[in-house]
Amino acid sequence: MLIMINFPCDIKRLIAIMLSLAIFVGCTTAFNKGVEHAKLGQDEEAIADFTEAIRLDPTDARSYQGRALCHERLENTLQADKDFAKAKELGY
């Protein structure tokens, strides 16, 4: 016997919420990996991680800030300045 339950929320809305949560978790994971690589002085790896975090959530100012700091240490001044400006624009 199949029992149907009528949920009060729309399935499309539920899927959207689940996708948003997955993106948030992915962004946070990539950001955290970037922080760990940066702590170890592995700036190129950190830049790749922060770039992935930005791809997943382009509104996350922390990722731009982290990437900017790594670019700055690698003396990539132009890219660092762009990322610092974007982080500031996003409220960092």
C-alpha atoms as a PDB file:
ATOM      1  CA  MET A   1       0.000   0.000   0.000  1.00  0.00           C
ATOM      2  CA  LEU A   2       1.403   3.384  -1.010  1.00  0.00           C
ATOM      3  CA  ILE A   3       0.760   6.284   1.322  1.00  0.00           C
ATOM      4  CA  MET A   4       0.932   9.754  -0.212  1.00  0.00           C
ATOM      5  CA  ILE A   5       1.886  12.611   2.049  1.00  0.00           C
ATOM      6  CA  ASN A   6       0.952  16.126   1.059  1.00  0.00           C
ATOM      7  CA  PHE A   7       3.898  18.345   2.011  1.00  0.00           C
ATOM      8  CA  PRO A   8       3.201  22.045   2.489  1.00  0.00           C
ATOM      9  CA  CYS A   9       6.163  23.159   0.350  1.00  0.00           C
ATOM     10  CA  ASP A  10       6.590  23.037  -3.362  1.00  0.00           C
ATOM     11  CA  ILE A  11       9.035  20.373  -4.603  1.00  0.00           C
ATOM     12  CA  LYS A  12      10.786  22.884  -6.874  1.00  0.00           C
ATOM     13  CA  ARG A  13      11.411  25.126  -3.876  1.00  0.00           C
ATOM     14  CA  LEU A  14      12.752  22.188  -1.888  1.00  0.00           C
ATOM     15  CA  ILE A  15      15.120  21.263  -4.715  1.00  0.00           C
ATOM     16  CA  ALA A  16      16.299  24.877  -4.946  1.00  0.00           C
ATOM     17  CA  ILE A  17      17.000  24.916  -1.210  1.00  0.00           C
ATOM     18  CA  MET A  18      18.914  21.644  -1.436  1.00  0.00           C
ATOM     19  CA  LEU A  19      20.998  22.930  -4.352  1.00  0.00           C
ATOM     20  CA  SER A  20      21.754  26.142  -2.476  1.00  0.00           C
ATOM     21  CA  LEU A  21      22.889  24.135   0.522  1.00  0.00           C
ATOM     22  CA  ALA A  22      25.106  21.943  -1.669  1.00  0.00           C
ATOM     23  CA  ILE A  23      26.685  25.022  -3.245  1.00  0.00           C
ATOM     24  CA  PHE A  24      27.245  26.565   0.202  1.00  0.00           C
ATOM     25  CA  VAL A  25      28.896  23.380   1.482  1.00  0.00           C
ATOM     26  CA  GLY A  26      31.056  23.132  -1.644  1.00  0.00           C
ATOM     27  CA  CYS A  27      32.065  26.783  -1.399  1.00  0.00           C
ATOM     28  CA  THR A  28      32.883  26.465   2.291  1.00  0.00           C
ATOM     29  CA  THR A  29      34.936  23.328   1.659  1.00  0.00           C
ATOM     30  CA  ALA A  30      36.912  24.987  -1.152  1.00  0.00           C
ATOM     31  CA  PHE A  31      37.421  28.115   0.964  1.00  0.00           C
ATOM     32  CA  ASN A  32      38.656  26.052   3.928  1.00  0.00           C
ATOM     33  CA  LYS A  33      41.060  24.135   1.685  1.00  0.00           C
ATOM     34  CA  GLY A  34      42.350  27.479   0.412  1.00  0.00           C
ATOM     35  CA  VAL A  35      42.948  28.685   3.952  1.00  0.00           C
ATOM     36  CA  GLU A  36      44.862  25.514   4.821  1.00  0.00           C
ATOM     37  CA  HIS A  37      47.017  25.731   1.694  1.00  0.00           C
ATOM     38  CA  ALA A  38      47.692  29.408   2.386  1.00  0.00           C
ATOM     39  CA  LYS A  39      48.741  28.611   5.969  1.00  0.00           C
ATOM     40  CA  LEU A  40      51.259  26.126   4.570  1.00  0.00           C
ATOM     41  CA  GLY A  41      52.610  28.707   2.118  1.00  0.00           C
ATOM     42  CA  GLN A  42      51.160  26.783  -0.814  1.00  0.00           C
ATOM     43  CA  ASP A  43      49.830  29.900  -2.476  1.00  0.00           C
ATOM     44  CA  GLU A  44      49.266  28.484  -5.958  1.00  0.00           C
ATOM     45  CA  GLU A  45      47.162  25.647  -4.537  1.00  0.00           C
ATOM     46  CA  ALA A  46      45.339  28.126  -2.310  1.00  0.00           C
ATOM     47  CA  ILE A  47      44.581  30.336  -5.311  1.00  0.00           C
ATOM     48  CA  ALA A  48      43.061  27.322  -7.097  1.00  0.00           C
ATOM     49  CA  ASP A  49      40.922  26.543  -4.037  1.00  0.00           C
ATOM     50  CA  PHE A  50      39.749  30.136  -3.616  1.00  0.00           C
ATOM     51  CA  THR A  51      38.994  30.292  -7.353  1.00  0.00           C
ATOM     52  CA  GLU A  52      36.797  27.193  -6.984  1.00  0.00           C
ATOM     53  CA  ALA A  53      35.040  28.781  -4.003  1.00  0.00           C
ATOM     54  CA  ILE A  54      34.420  31.906  -6.109  1.00  0.00           C
ATOM     55  CA  ARG A  55      33.080  29.790  -8.979  1.00  0.00           C
ATOM     56  CA  LEU A  56      30.606  28.193  -6.570  1.00  0.00           C
ATOM     57  CA  ASP A  57      29.654  31.466  -4.875  1.00  0.00           C
ATOM     58  CA  PRO A  58      30.796  34.638  -6.651  1.00  0.00           C
ATOM     59  CA  THR A  59      29.352  36.758  -3.825  1.00  0.00           C
ATOM     60  CA  ASP A  60      31.669  35.364  -1.120  1.00  0.00           C
ATOM     61  CA  ALA A  61      34.008  38.244  -0.307  1.00  0.00           C
ATOM     62  CA  ARG A  62      36.204  36.043   1.897  1.00  0.00           C
ATOM     63  CA  SER A  63      37.304  33.981  -1.088  1.00  0.00           C
ATOM     64  CA  TYR A  64      38.329  37.085  -3.035  1.00  0.00           C
ATOM     65  CA  GLN A  65      40.212  38.360   0.015  1.00  0.00           C
ATOM     66  CA  GLY A  66      42.017  35.064   0.496  1.00  0.00           C
ATOM     67  CA  ARG A  67      42.947  34.831  -3.156  1.00  0.00           C
ATOM     68  CA  ALA A  68      44.144  38.443  -3.119  1.00  0.00           C
ATOM     69  CA  LEU A  69      46.456  37.759  -0.178  1.00  0.00           C
ATOM     70  CA  CYS A  70      47.984  34.780  -1.977  1.00  0.00           C
ATOM     71  CA  HIS A  71      48.435  36.786  -5.177  1.00  0.00           C
ATOM     72  CA  GLU A  72      50.069  39.514  -3.137  1.00  0.00           C
ATOM     73  CA  ARG A  73      52.575  37.057  -1.631  1.00  0.00           C
ATOM     74  CA  LEU A  74      53.375  35.791  -5.135  1.00  0.00           C
ATOM     75  CA  GLU A  75      53.829  39.419  -6.245  1.00  0.00           C
ATOM     76  CA  ASN A  76      50.930  39.199  -8.715  1.00  0.00           C
ATOM     77  CA  THR A  77      50.071  42.799  -7.934  1.00  0.00           C
ATOM     78  CA  LEU A  78      47.466  43.411 -10.640  1.00  0.00           C
ATOM     79  CA  GLN A  79      45.447  40.302  -9.774  1.00  0.00           C
ATOM     80  CA  ALA A  80      45.793  41.005  -6.046  1.00  0.00           C
ATOM     81  CA  ASP A  81      44.475  44.542  -6.537  1.00  0.00           C
ATOM     82  CA  LYS A  82      41.500  43.257  -8.554  1.00  0.00           C
ATOM     83  CA  ASP A  83      40.615  40.708  -5.895  1.00  0.00           C
ATOM     84  CA  PHE A  84      41.050  43.181  -3.030  1.00  0.00           C
ATOM     85  CA  ALA A  85      38.745  45.607  -4.884  1.00  0.00           C
ATOM     86  CA  LYS A  86      36.135  42.887  -5.469  1.00  0.00           C
ATOM     87  CA  ALA A  87      36.280  41.805  -1.819  1.00  0.00           C
ATOM     88  CA  LYS A  88      35.753  45.411  -0.763  1.00  0.00           C
ATOM     89  CA  GLU A  89      32.876  45.807  -3.235  1.00  0.00           C
ATOM     90  CA  LEU A  90      31.250  42.727  -1.683  1.00  0.00           C
ATOM     91  CA  GLY A  91      31.587  44.165   1.804  1.00  0.00           C
ATOM     92  CA  TYR A  92      34.788  42.656   3.182  1.00  0.00           C
END
